C-alpha cells in the first residue's frame, strides 16, 4: 500500500504540471500494486471534468475489477468470505462514484449500469444514505430514457431488502414501483400513488417534490393537458429550485398535444439546448421536435432531427419509423408540389422599403423553406450558398446610387420565387473610421484523441495537453468563458457527433466558433480523401474513420457567423481551398478592413499538414500557442496569424507544410475569423 501511495502522489504532482500522459501511467502503475480507491476515484473524476468520459470510466472499471480480484488485500482479513464482505464497502463507493459522475456529466447508460452494480452489493446488508441517493438518481434516469430492464433490476433488489429493513429500502421500492407503473402504461394506478404522496401519506421527506414533478408527465401521457399545465405552473412557482427550461420538454408535449407545433418547436429547442447530463433523454425530444417540423411541412429539418435522435439512440423505434415515413412524404411532396418557396430576408434588417448602406458589398442572409426542400438560390443571377432546409446567404456588390437586388429561390420540384430589395449607396460615401464589431458569444470545441482502442493505432502523448493549453489561452486572452469552452477528449465517433448536436442547439447567428482537433489523421491517395481517426477507429476498417467531408458538412450546419477549424492532423484537399495569401496588399490594421472581414460570413481552416500525416511531436502546435499567447494586437485575423507566425516557422523546423484555406462548401463568403483580445 505504501508503494502505491508513493506512486499516486507522484502522479498527482505530474497532473498538476499538466503532464497528463505521464500521470496516467503512474496512476495505473499504482493500481497494479494496490487499489487505492479514494485516490483513483478522484483521478477518474478529474478525467471526467477534463472531458475524457471514456478514460474516466476505464479507470473506475479497472479499479472495481482490481478490488474484486484481491479482497483479502483490501481489508487485511484472513478469511476470504469476511474479506469479500468488507471489500463491498470500497467497491460500493467506486460504483457509486462512477454512477454519480456519469449522471452529472458523462454517459447516462453507463451510470445506470454502475448504479445497478452498486445496489447489488447491498444484498444481505443494510441500506444507507448512499443507497437512497443512488437508487433515486438511477431510477429517474432510467425512467427518462425508458430503460425498463434496469429499473426492474433496481426494483427487485430493493424489494428483497424491504423484507428485513426499514424506510431506506422502502424508499427504493416506492420510487422504482412508481416508475415501472408509468413505463408499463398503468397511468391511473400511478396517479393514485402520486396523489397519495402529494397529500402527505408518504413518510419520505422529498416525496411530495418527486410526486409533483412526475404527476405532470403522467397527465401528459394520459393526454390531460390542462391538468398537466396547471401542475407544472404550480410546481415551478412554489419551488425555488425549479427552472422553466428544465420542464420545457413537458411544455413542448403539451403544445403538441394541443396542435400548436410552433410553440412545441420553441419549447423542445429550449430543452435540447441543455447539456446532455441534464437531458439524458434527448433522443425522445429530437423525435418529438421532428414530428412538430413534420406537422409544419419543414421536412428537411424534421429529417435532421430524426437522424439526431438516432445518434443518441440508434435503436429508438419512433425515430426509425419517423425517418422511414418522412422519406416517403418528401418524395410525394416533390411530385405534387406546385408552391414556390417562401423567401424571408434575415439580414440586413431594415424598417423602410429602401435600405441605406455605405459599403461596396452587402451580405444577404435569409431563409426559403419549402416542403420538398430548397434546391438553389441566386442573388442577381449569381449562385448563393444554400441548404436544403432553406437557409441561404451570399454577397452582392453595390454601385453608388440605387441598387435593385433580386433573390431567386428554386425548390426541387422546379418552383421558383423572387424577392426584390432596393439598396441605396450614397454617392461619395466612405466606410467608418472606427471599428464597430458585432460581437456575439465566442465558443470553442477542443478535441484531443490520445488513447486508441485498436492496438495497431499507436497512442499519442500530446493531444490532450495541447488542447488544454489552447483552452487556457482562449479563456485568459480572448473572451471565451468556461461555459462556452467544450472539451472532448478520447471521444468515440458518436461522442463527436453528439457534441456537435449540442453546439447546433446553442450557437446563434452572430456567434463565433473555434474547432480544434489533435489526433491521428490519414490521407488515402487513391481516393484523394482525408480522414480523422477517433479513438474507436479500427486501422483495418475505413468505415470506422471519420471523413473530412463529414466534418465539413457538420460545420456547414453550424449557424455561427465565423467558424475557424484548426487541425493538428492532415485535412482533405478535396474540401479545402487555399486562396492567394495576399496579405501584403491589405492593411489589416485599418478599422474599415477589419470591420469588412467581420461582417462577412467566414468558414476558414488552419491545418498543421497538407495531405500527409503530421509528426507526433507537434511543431505546429508550438507556434500556434506562441502566436496566440504573445499577440499584442486587439484584432488578429486567422490569416495574418498564419502568414506572419506559423507557416515559415513550421516549415523551417519540419518537412510538413501547414495550410490556411477557406471552406467554400461550408458557406464561406470572404470574411475571416478574428481573435479579439481582452
Foldseek 3Di string as FASTA:
>chain_A
DVVLVVLLVVLVVCVVVVQNVVSVVSNVVSVVVPLPLVSLLVVLLVCLVLFNQVVSVVSLVSSLVSCQVCLCVVPVDPDPVVSNLVSLVSSLVSLLSNLVSCLQRNALVSNLVSLLVSLQSCVVHADDPSVQVSLQSSLVSCLQQVVLVSLVSQLVSLVNVVVPYDDSSVNSNLSSVLSNCVSVVVLVVSLVSLVCQCVPVDPDDCSNLVSLVVNLVSCLVVVVLVVSVVSVVVSPVVDVVDDPLLCLCSVLSSCVSVVNLVSSLVSLLSNLLDRCSSPVNNLVSLQVNLVSCVSVLLLVSSLVSLVLSCLSPVPPVSSVVVNVVSVVVLVVCLVPPPDAWDKDWPPPDDDDQEAEDADQKGKTKIFTGDSNFWDFKDKVNHTWFAGRSGITMAMDGDDAAKDKIWIWTAGSSGHIDIDIGIYHHHPPGDDDQAADFDEDAEAEEQEFAFAAPAPVFDGARPRSSLSVLVVVLCPPWFRHPPVRYHYHYLDFPSVVVSVLSSQQSPDDQAYEYEYEYEDEKAFDVVVLWIWGQGRHDDPVDCVRTHTLVVVLVSLLSRNYQEYEYEYAWEHGPVQWAADDLVCVVDDCVRSRQQNVLSNHRFAKYKYQAYRHTDDSDGPQSVQVSVLSNVDPDQKDWPSNSCVPTGQVSSVVVDVGGMGMGGRVNSRGHPHTDIRGTD
